[in-house]
Amino acid sequence: MDGDDQIDIEAIVRHEPAGHKIELRLWLRVLSCANMISDEIRRRLRAEFDVTLPRFDLLAQLRREPEGLRLGELSKRMMVTNGNITGLVDRLVEEGLVRREPVPEDRRAAVVRMTPDGEAVFARMAAAHESWLGELFGDVEPKLLAELLKDLEVLKASVVRRRSAPD
């Protein structure tokens, strides 16, 4: 889907009166923004670093956990299957960006850690990522960004309280 398709996601409520179907309008606006930002970040990661967004996300998870993470924990945090994580880790191991280390108390388990090369590569990608977000949000005043963040925190808390229990 290109950017125009993302903007069009809101077309289903375009002719509704102002204030009508406000929850649906908000959902579509949030989804549209998230999709457009993700698509642009994905495109730039591929163009500048020849890396996919899932690989970037996996490295970001490991950057936050210097002691490493088990595959199952990575899978939960990234909300993908263990099989997907295994494939991503395999490719990153081949590239020398991460390493698998056995867990002494559980021979079936492994912890994944970033290598020094992975740290260096990720640092460059993270700096670019932060810069891209600043560029994409550049027309929005910092005060409004802070207000949006606070308002979305309230929305997220409502969703967390009211969602159904996971299967």
N, C-alpha and C. Protein backbone atom coordinates (compact mmCIF):
# COMPACT_ATOMS: atom_id res chain seq x y z
N MET A 1 0.84 -1.18 0.00
CA MET A 1 0.00 0.00 0.00
C MET A 1 0.88 1.24 0.00
N ASP A 2 0.64 2.15 -0.89
CA ASP A 2 1.42 3.38 -0.86
C ASP A 2 0.73 4.41 0.01
N GLY A 3 1.35 5.57 0.17
CA GLY A 3 0.83 6.61 1.05
C GLY A 3 -0.58 7.05 0.71
N ASP A 4 -0.89 7.14 -0.60
CA ASP A 4 -2.23 7.56 -0.99
C ASP A 4 -3.28 6.56 -0.53
N ASP A 5 -2.94 5.27 -0.57
CA ASP A 5 -3.87 4.25 -0.09
C ASP A 5 -4.10 4.40 1.41
N GLN A 6 -3.04 4.76 2.15
CA GLN A 6 -3.17 4.94 3.58
C GLN A 6 -4.10 6.10 3.89
N ILE A 7 -3.98 7.20 3.18
CA ILE A 7 -4.85 8.35 3.40
C ILE A 7 -6.29 7.95 3.10
N ASP A 8 -6.47 7.14 2.07
CA ASP A 8 -7.80 6.71 1.63
C ASP A 8 -8.50 5.81 2.63
N ILE A 9 -7.78 5.24 3.58
CA ILE A 9 -8.40 4.36 4.57
C ILE A 9 -9.50 5.10 5.32
N GLU A 10 -9.39 6.41 5.38
CA GLU A 10 -10.39 7.22 6.08
C GLU A 10 -11.60 7.55 5.20
N ALA A 11 -11.58 7.14 3.95
CA ALA A 11 -12.66 7.48 3.02
C ALA A 11 -14.02 6.95 3.47
N ILE A 12 -14.04 5.86 4.23
CA ILE A 12 -15.33 5.28 4.60
C ILE A 12 -16.14 6.18 5.53
N VAL A 13 -15.48 7.17 6.15
CA VAL A 13 -16.22 8.08 7.02
C VAL A 13 -16.16 9.52 6.51
N ARG A 14 -15.65 9.71 5.33
CA ARG A 14 -15.44 11.06 4.80
C ARG A 14 -16.74 11.86 4.71
N HIS A 15 -17.84 11.21 4.39
CA HIS A 15 -19.09 11.94 4.18
C HIS A 15 -20.02 11.92 5.39
N GLU A 16 -19.50 11.43 6.50
CA GLU A 16 -20.29 11.45 7.74
C GLU A 16 -20.24 12.87 8.31
N PRO A 17 -21.30 13.30 8.99
CA PRO A 17 -21.29 14.64 9.61
C PRO A 17 -20.19 14.73 10.67
N ALA A 18 -19.66 15.93 10.85
CA ALA A 18 -18.63 16.15 11.87
C ALA A 18 -19.14 15.68 13.23
N GLY A 19 -18.28 15.01 13.97
CA GLY A 19 -18.67 14.52 15.29
C GLY A 19 -19.38 13.18 15.26
N HIS A 20 -19.76 12.72 14.07
CA HIS A 20 -20.47 11.44 13.94
C HIS A 20 -19.44 10.33 13.77
N LYS A 21 -19.65 9.21 14.43
CA LYS A 21 -18.75 8.06 14.37
C LYS A 21 -17.33 8.45 14.78
N ILE A 22 -17.22 9.22 15.85
CA ILE A 22 -15.93 9.75 16.28
C ILE A 22 -14.92 8.65 16.61
N GLU A 23 -15.38 7.56 17.23
CA GLU A 23 -14.45 6.47 17.57
C GLU A 23 -13.89 5.84 16.31
N LEU A 24 -14.76 5.62 15.32
CA LEU A 24 -14.30 5.04 14.05
C LEU A 24 -13.35 6.00 13.34
N ARG A 25 -13.68 7.27 13.33
CA ARG A 25 -12.80 8.27 12.70
C ARG A 25 -11.42 8.28 13.36
N LEU A 26 -11.40 8.25 14.70
CA LEU A 26 -10.12 8.26 15.41
C LEU A 26 -9.33 7.00 15.10
N TRP A 27 -9.98 5.85 15.16
CA TRP A 27 -9.31 4.58 14.86
C TRP A 27 -8.68 4.64 13.47
N LEU A 28 -9.43 5.09 12.49
CA LEU A 28 -8.92 5.14 11.13
C LEU A 28 -7.78 6.14 10.99
N ARG A 29 -7.86 7.26 11.70
CA ARG A 29 -6.79 8.26 11.65
C ARG A 29 -5.50 7.72 12.27
N VAL A 30 -5.63 7.07 13.44
CA VAL A 30 -4.46 6.49 14.10
C VAL A 30 -3.85 5.40 13.21
N LEU A 31 -4.69 4.54 12.67
CA LEU A 31 -4.22 3.47 11.79
C LEU A 31 -3.54 4.04 10.55
N SER A 32 -4.14 5.05 9.95
CA SER A 32 -3.58 5.69 8.76
C SER A 32 -2.20 6.27 9.06
N CYS A 33 -2.09 7.01 10.15
CA CYS A 33 -0.80 7.61 10.53
C CYS A 33 0.25 6.53 10.80
N ALA A 34 -0.12 5.53 11.58
CA ALA A 34 0.82 4.46 11.91
C ALA A 34 1.30 3.74 10.66
N ASN A 35 0.38 3.45 9.76
CA ASN A 35 0.76 2.76 8.52
C ASN A 35 1.67 3.61 7.64
N MET A 36 1.35 4.89 7.50
CA MET A 36 2.19 5.76 6.67
C MET A 36 3.59 5.89 7.25
N ILE A 37 3.69 6.07 8.57
CA ILE A 37 4.99 6.20 9.21
C ILE A 37 5.78 4.90 9.06
N SER A 38 5.14 3.77 9.33
CA SER A 38 5.81 2.48 9.20
C SER A 38 6.29 2.24 7.78
N ASP A 39 5.45 2.54 6.80
CA ASP A 39 5.84 2.36 5.40
C ASP A 39 7.05 3.20 5.04
N GLU A 40 7.08 4.44 5.52
CA GLU A 40 8.20 5.33 5.20
C GLU A 40 9.47 4.88 5.91
N ILE A 41 9.37 4.49 7.16
CA ILE A 41 10.54 4.00 7.89
C ILE A 41 11.05 2.72 7.24
N ARG A 42 10.14 1.85 6.86
CA ARG A 42 10.50 0.59 6.19
C ARG A 42 11.26 0.89 4.89
N ARG A 43 10.75 1.84 4.12
CA ARG A 43 11.37 2.20 2.84
C ARG A 43 12.78 2.76 3.06
N ARG A 44 12.91 3.64 4.05
CA ARG A 44 14.21 4.26 4.30
C ARG A 44 15.22 3.27 4.87
N LEU A 45 14.78 2.37 5.75
CA LEU A 45 15.69 1.35 6.26
C LEU A 45 16.23 0.48 5.13
N ARG A 46 15.35 0.12 4.22
CA ARG A 46 15.75 -0.71 3.08
C ARG A 46 16.72 0.06 2.18
N ALA A 47 16.40 1.32 1.88
CA ALA A 47 17.22 2.11 0.96
C ALA A 47 18.59 2.45 1.55
N GLU A 48 18.64 2.83 2.82
CA GLU A 48 19.89 3.31 3.40
C GLU A 48 20.73 2.23 4.08
N PHE A 49 20.08 1.18 4.58
CA PHE A 49 20.81 0.16 5.34
C PHE A 49 20.60 -1.26 4.81
N ASP A 50 19.77 -1.42 3.79
CA ASP A 50 19.43 -2.73 3.26
C ASP A 50 18.98 -3.68 4.38
N VAL A 51 18.10 -3.16 5.23
CA VAL A 51 17.59 -3.95 6.34
C VAL A 51 16.07 -3.81 6.38
N THR A 52 15.40 -4.85 6.88
CA THR A 52 13.95 -4.81 7.00
C THR A 52 13.56 -4.23 8.35
N LEU A 53 12.34 -3.75 8.45
CA LEU A 53 11.84 -3.22 9.72
C LEU A 53 11.83 -4.29 10.82
N PRO A 54 11.41 -5.53 10.54
CA PRO A 54 11.47 -6.55 11.59
C PRO A 54 12.90 -6.79 12.11
N ARG A 55 13.89 -6.76 11.23
CA ARG A 55 15.27 -6.94 11.68
C ARG A 55 15.71 -5.77 12.55
N PHE A 56 15.33 -4.55 12.15
CA PHE A 56 15.62 -3.37 12.95
C PHE A 56 14.95 -3.49 14.32
N ASP A 57 13.69 -3.90 14.32
CA ASP A 57 12.94 -4.04 15.58
C ASP A 57 13.57 -5.08 16.50
N LEU A 58 14.04 -6.18 15.94
CA LEU A 58 14.68 -7.21 16.74
C LEU A 58 15.96 -6.66 17.37
N LEU A 59 16.77 -5.95 16.59
CA LEU A 59 17.98 -5.35 17.13
C LEU A 59 17.64 -4.32 18.22
N ALA A 60 16.56 -3.57 18.02
CA ALA A 60 16.14 -2.58 19.02
C ALA A 60 15.77 -3.27 20.33
N GLN A 61 15.09 -4.41 20.24
CA GLN A 61 14.75 -5.16 21.45
C GLN A 61 16.02 -5.60 22.18
N LEU A 62 16.99 -6.10 21.43
CA LEU A 62 18.23 -6.57 22.05
C LEU A 62 19.05 -5.41 22.62
N ARG A 63 18.96 -4.26 21.99
CA ARG A 63 19.70 -3.08 22.49
C ARG A 63 19.22 -2.70 23.88
N ARG A 64 17.94 -2.89 24.13
CA ARG A 64 17.36 -2.55 25.43
C ARG A 64 17.71 -3.58 26.51
N GLU A 65 18.20 -4.75 26.08
CA GLU A 65 18.47 -5.85 27.02
C GLU A 65 19.89 -6.37 26.80
N PRO A 66 20.88 -5.70 27.38
CA PRO A 66 22.27 -6.11 27.14
C PRO A 66 22.58 -7.55 27.54
N GLU A 67 21.80 -8.10 28.48
CA GLU A 67 22.00 -9.50 28.88
C GLU A 67 21.39 -10.47 27.87
N GLY A 68 20.68 -9.94 26.88
CA GLY A 68 20.08 -10.78 25.85
C GLY A 68 18.67 -11.20 26.20
N LEU A 69 18.05 -11.84 25.25
CA LEU A 69 16.67 -12.32 25.41
C LEU A 69 16.55 -13.72 24.82
N ARG A 70 15.70 -14.51 25.43
CA ARG A 70 15.38 -15.82 24.86
C ARG A 70 14.49 -15.61 23.63
N LEU A 71 14.50 -16.59 22.74
CA LEU A 71 13.71 -16.49 21.52
C LEU A 71 12.24 -16.29 21.83
N GLY A 72 11.71 -17.00 22.81
CA GLY A 72 10.30 -16.87 23.15
C GLY A 72 9.94 -15.47 23.62
N GLU A 73 10.84 -14.85 24.37
CA GLU A 73 10.60 -13.49 24.84
C GLU A 73 10.65 -12.51 23.67
N LEU A 74 11.59 -12.70 22.76
CA LEU A 74 11.63 -11.87 21.55
C LEU A 74 10.34 -12.00 20.76
N SER A 75 9.86 -13.23 20.63
CA SER A 75 8.62 -13.49 19.91
C SER A 75 7.45 -12.74 20.54
N LYS A 76 7.34 -12.79 21.87
CA LYS A 76 6.26 -12.09 22.57
C LYS A 76 6.36 -10.58 22.38
N ARG A 77 7.55 -10.05 22.55
CA ARG A 77 7.73 -8.60 22.46
C ARG A 77 7.45 -8.08 21.06
N MET A 78 7.80 -8.88 20.06
CA MET A 78 7.60 -8.42 18.68
C MET A 78 6.26 -8.88 18.10
N MET A 79 5.53 -9.68 18.88
CA MET A 79 4.21 -10.16 18.48
C MET A 79 4.25 -10.92 17.15
N VAL A 80 5.24 -11.81 17.03
CA VAL A 80 5.36 -12.69 15.87
C VAL A 80 5.63 -14.11 16.37
N THR A 81 5.53 -15.06 15.48
CA THR A 81 5.72 -16.46 15.87
C THR A 81 7.18 -16.76 16.17
N ASN A 82 7.39 -17.83 16.94
CA ASN A 82 8.75 -18.29 17.22
C ASN A 82 9.49 -18.61 15.92
N GLY A 83 8.77 -19.16 14.95
CA GLY A 83 9.40 -19.48 13.66
C GLY A 83 9.92 -18.24 12.95
N ASN A 84 9.14 -17.16 12.99
CA ASN A 84 9.60 -15.91 12.38
C ASN A 84 10.85 -15.38 13.08
N ILE A 85 10.84 -15.44 14.41
CA ILE A 85 11.99 -14.97 15.18
C ILE A 85 13.22 -15.81 14.85
N THR A 86 13.05 -17.12 14.78
CA THR A 86 14.18 -18.00 14.48
C THR A 86 14.81 -17.64 13.14
N GLY A 87 13.98 -17.38 12.13
CA GLY A 87 14.50 -16.99 10.82
C GLY A 87 15.24 -15.66 10.86
N LEU A 88 14.67 -14.69 11.56
CA LEU A 88 15.33 -13.38 11.69
C LEU A 88 16.68 -13.53 12.40
N VAL A 89 16.68 -14.28 13.50
CA VAL A 89 17.91 -14.47 14.27
C VAL A 89 18.95 -15.20 13.42
N ASP A 90 18.53 -16.22 12.70
CA ASP A 90 19.48 -16.96 11.84
C ASP A 90 20.20 -16.01 10.88
N ARG A 91 19.44 -15.13 10.23
CA ARG A 91 20.06 -14.20 9.28
C ARG A 91 20.98 -13.21 9.98
N LEU A 92 20.58 -12.72 11.14
CA LEU A 92 21.42 -11.78 11.88
C LEU A 92 22.68 -12.45 12.42
N VAL A 93 22.59 -13.73 12.79
CA VAL A 93 23.78 -14.49 13.20
C VAL A 93 24.74 -14.62 12.02
N GLU A 94 24.21 -14.98 10.85
CA GLU A 94 25.04 -15.11 9.65
C GLU A 94 25.78 -13.82 9.33
N GLU A 95 25.13 -12.68 9.59
CA GLU A 95 25.74 -11.38 9.31
C GLU A 95 26.67 -10.91 10.44
N GLY A 96 26.73 -11.67 11.52
CA GLY A 96 27.59 -11.32 12.63
C GLY A 96 27.05 -10.20 13.52
N LEU A 97 25.74 -9.91 13.43
CA LEU A 97 25.15 -8.83 14.23
C LEU A 97 24.63 -9.30 15.58
N VAL A 98 24.28 -10.59 15.68
CA VAL A 98 23.85 -11.17 16.95
C VAL A 98 24.51 -12.53 17.11
N ARG A 99 24.47 -13.03 18.34
CA ARG A 99 24.95 -14.39 18.60
C ARG A 99 23.97 -15.10 19.51
N ARG A 100 23.92 -16.41 19.35
CA ARG A 100 23.10 -17.25 20.23
C ARG A 100 24.04 -17.85 21.27
N GLU A 101 23.58 -17.84 22.52
CA GLU A 101 24.36 -18.45 23.59
C GLU A 101 23.46 -19.43 24.33
N PRO A 102 23.98 -20.61 24.62
CA PRO A 102 23.15 -21.59 25.34
C PRO A 102 22.85 -21.11 26.76
N VAL A 103 21.70 -21.55 27.26
CA VAL A 103 21.32 -21.27 28.64
C VAL A 103 21.73 -22.50 29.45
N PRO A 104 22.69 -22.33 30.38
CA PRO A 104 23.22 -23.50 31.10
C PRO A 104 22.16 -24.35 31.79
N GLU A 105 21.14 -23.72 32.37
CA GLU A 105 20.14 -24.50 33.11
C GLU A 105 19.05 -25.10 32.21
N ASP A 106 19.06 -24.77 30.92
CA ASP A 106 18.05 -25.30 30.00
C ASP A 106 18.71 -25.50 28.63
N ARG A 107 19.12 -26.71 28.36
CA ARG A 107 19.88 -27.00 27.12
C ARG A 107 19.06 -26.74 25.87
N ARG A 108 17.74 -26.71 25.97
CA ARG A 108 16.90 -26.46 24.79
C ARG A 108 16.81 -24.98 24.46
N ALA A 109 17.13 -24.14 25.42
CA ALA A 109 16.95 -22.69 25.24
C ALA A 109 18.26 -22.02 24.86
N ALA A 110 18.11 -20.85 24.23
CA ALA A 110 19.26 -20.02 23.89
C ALA A 110 18.89 -18.56 24.14
N VAL A 111 19.90 -17.81 24.52
CA VAL A 111 19.75 -16.36 24.68
C VAL A 111 20.40 -15.72 23.46
N VAL A 112 19.74 -14.70 22.94
CA VAL A 112 20.28 -13.97 21.79
C VAL A 112 20.81 -12.63 22.30
N ARG A 113 22.04 -12.33 21.91
CA ARG A 113 22.68 -11.06 22.30
C ARG A 113 23.25 -10.38 21.07
N MET A 114 23.31 -9.06 21.12
CA MET A 114 23.93 -8.32 20.04
C MET A 114 25.45 -8.42 20.15
N THR A 115 26.12 -8.52 19.02
CA THR A 115 27.58 -8.51 18.99
C THR A 115 28.07 -7.06 18.96
N PRO A 116 29.35 -6.82 19.17
CA PRO A 116 29.86 -5.45 19.03
C PRO A 116 29.58 -4.88 17.63
N ASP A 117 29.71 -5.70 16.60
CA ASP A 117 29.37 -5.22 15.24
C ASP A 117 27.89 -4.86 15.16
N GLY A 118 27.05 -5.68 15.77
CA GLY A 118 25.62 -5.40 15.78
C GLY A 118 25.31 -4.10 16.50
N GLU A 119 26.00 -3.87 17.62
CA GLU A 119 25.82 -2.62 18.37
C GLU A 119 26.17 -1.42 17.49
N ALA A 120 27.28 -1.51 16.78
CA ALA A 120 27.73 -0.38 15.94
C ALA A 120 26.76 -0.13 14.78
N VAL A 121 26.33 -1.20 14.13
CA VAL A 121 25.39 -1.06 13.01
C VAL A 121 24.07 -0.51 13.52
N PHE A 122 23.59 -1.05 14.64
CA PHE A 122 22.31 -0.58 15.16
C PHE A 122 22.38 0.88 15.58
N ALA A 123 23.49 1.30 16.17
CA ALA A 123 23.63 2.70 16.59
C ALA A 123 23.45 3.64 15.39
N ARG A 124 24.02 3.28 14.25
CA ARG A 124 23.86 4.12 13.04
C ARG A 124 22.41 4.11 12.56
N MET A 125 21.78 2.93 12.58
CA MET A 125 20.39 2.84 12.15
C MET A 125 19.47 3.61 13.10
N ALA A 126 19.70 3.48 14.40
CA ALA A 126 18.85 4.15 15.40
C ALA A 126 18.95 5.67 15.26
N ALA A 127 20.16 6.16 15.01
CA ALA A 127 20.33 7.61 14.84
C ALA A 127 19.56 8.09 13.60
N ALA A 128 19.65 7.33 12.52
CA ALA A 128 18.91 7.69 11.30
C ALA A 128 17.41 7.62 11.57
N HIS A 129 16.96 6.57 12.24
CA HIS A 129 15.54 6.38 12.57
C HIS A 129 15.00 7.58 13.34
N GLU A 130 15.74 8.00 14.35
CA GLU A 130 15.32 9.15 15.15
C GLU A 130 15.24 10.41 14.28
N SER A 131 16.21 10.57 13.41
CA SER A 131 16.22 11.73 12.51
C SER A 131 15.02 11.70 11.55
N TRP A 132 14.71 10.53 11.03
CA TRP A 132 13.57 10.39 10.11
C TRP A 132 12.26 10.74 10.81
N LEU A 133 12.09 10.28 12.05
CA LEU A 133 10.87 10.61 12.78
C LEU A 133 10.78 12.11 13.00
N GLY A 134 11.89 12.74 13.35
CA GLY A 134 11.90 14.19 13.50
C GLY A 134 11.51 14.89 12.22
N GLU A 135 12.00 14.38 11.11
CA GLU A 135 11.65 14.95 9.81
C GLU A 135 10.17 14.75 9.50
N LEU A 136 9.67 13.54 9.70
CA LEU A 136 8.27 13.25 9.39
C LEU A 136 7.31 14.05 10.26
N PHE A 137 7.69 14.29 11.52
CA PHE A 137 6.84 15.05 12.44
C PHE A 137 7.18 16.54 12.45
N GLY A 138 8.03 16.96 11.52
CA GLY A 138 8.58 18.31 11.51
C GLY A 138 7.58 19.44 11.40
N ASP A 139 6.41 19.20 10.87
CA ASP A 139 5.41 20.26 10.74
C ASP A 139 4.52 20.39 11.98
N VAL A 140 4.79 19.58 12.98
CA VAL A 140 3.97 19.59 14.20
C VAL A 140 4.79 20.21 15.33
N GLU A 141 4.22 21.21 15.97
CA GLU A 141 4.89 21.89 17.07
C GLU A 141 5.19 20.90 18.22
N PRO A 142 6.35 21.03 18.86
CA PRO A 142 6.68 20.13 19.97
C PRO A 142 5.61 20.08 21.06
N LYS A 143 4.98 21.22 21.34
CA LYS A 143 3.93 21.24 22.36
C LYS A 143 2.76 20.35 21.94
N LEU A 144 2.39 20.39 20.67
CA LEU A 144 1.30 19.55 20.19
C LEU A 144 1.70 18.07 20.21
N LEU A 145 2.95 17.77 19.88
CA LEU A 145 3.42 16.38 19.96
C LEU A 145 3.28 15.87 21.40
N ALA A 146 3.66 16.69 22.37
CA ALA A 146 3.54 16.29 23.78
C ALA A 146 2.08 16.08 24.16
N GLU A 147 1.19 16.94 23.68
CA GLU A 147 -0.23 16.78 23.97
C GLU A 147 -0.79 15.51 23.34
N LEU A 148 -0.39 15.25 22.10
CA LEU A 148 -0.83 14.02 21.42
C LEU A 148 -0.37 12.79 22.19
N LEU A 149 0.87 12.81 22.62
CA LEU A 149 1.41 11.68 23.37
C LEU A 149 0.61 11.45 24.66
N LYS A 150 0.30 12.53 25.35
CA LYS A 150 -0.48 12.41 26.58
C LYS A 150 -1.89 11.90 26.29
N ASP A 151 -2.53 12.43 25.26
CA ASP A 151 -3.88 12.00 24.90
C ASP A 151 -3.91 10.53 24.47
N LEU A 152 -2.90 10.12 23.72
CA LEU A 152 -2.85 8.72 23.30
C LEU A 152 -2.56 7.78 24.47
N GLU A 153 -1.89 8.29 25.48
CA GLU A 153 -1.68 7.50 26.70
C GLU A 153 -3.02 7.19 27.36
N VAL A 154 -3.91 8.17 27.40
CA VAL A 154 -5.24 7.99 27.97
C VAL A 154 -6.02 6.97 27.13
N LEU A 155 -5.94 7.10 25.82
CA LEU A 155 -6.62 6.17 24.91
C LEU A 155 -6.10 4.75 25.11
N LYS A 156 -4.78 4.61 25.16
CA LYS A 156 -4.18 3.28 25.35
C LYS A 156 -4.63 2.66 26.67
N ALA A 157 -4.65 3.44 27.74
CA ALA A 157 -5.07 2.93 29.04
C ALA A 157 -6.52 2.43 28.98
N SER A 158 -7.38 3.14 28.26
CA SER A 158 -8.76 2.72 28.11
C SER A 158 -8.84 1.38 27.39
N VAL A 159 -8.07 1.25 26.32
CA VAL A 159 -8.08 0.01 25.54
C VAL A 159 -7.55 -1.14 26.39
N VAL A 160 -6.48 -0.91 27.13
CA VAL A 160 -5.91 -1.95 27.99
C VAL A 160 -6.94 -2.42 29.01
N ARG A 161 -7.65 -1.49 29.62
CA ARG A 161 -8.65 -1.85 30.64
C ARG A 161 -9.83 -2.62 30.05
N ARG A 162 -10.21 -2.30 28.82
CA ARG A 162 -11.47 -2.82 28.28
C ARG A 162 -11.34 -3.95 27.27
N ARG A 163 -10.10 -4.29 26.91
CA ARG A 163 -9.96 -5.34 25.91
C ARG A 163 -10.26 -6.71 26.50
N SER A 164 -10.58 -7.63 25.63
CA SER A 164 -10.84 -9.00 26.04
C SER A 164 -9.53 -9.66 26.42
N ALA A 165 -9.63 -10.64 27.29
CA ALA A 165 -8.44 -11.39 27.67
C ALA A 165 -7.90 -12.13 26.44
N PRO A 166 -6.59 -12.17 26.28
CA PRO A 166 -6.02 -12.91 25.14
C PRO A 166 -6.37 -14.39 25.23
N ASP A 167 -6.45 -15.01 24.07
CA ASP A 167 -6.74 -16.46 24.02
C ASP A 167 -5.64 -17.27 24.65
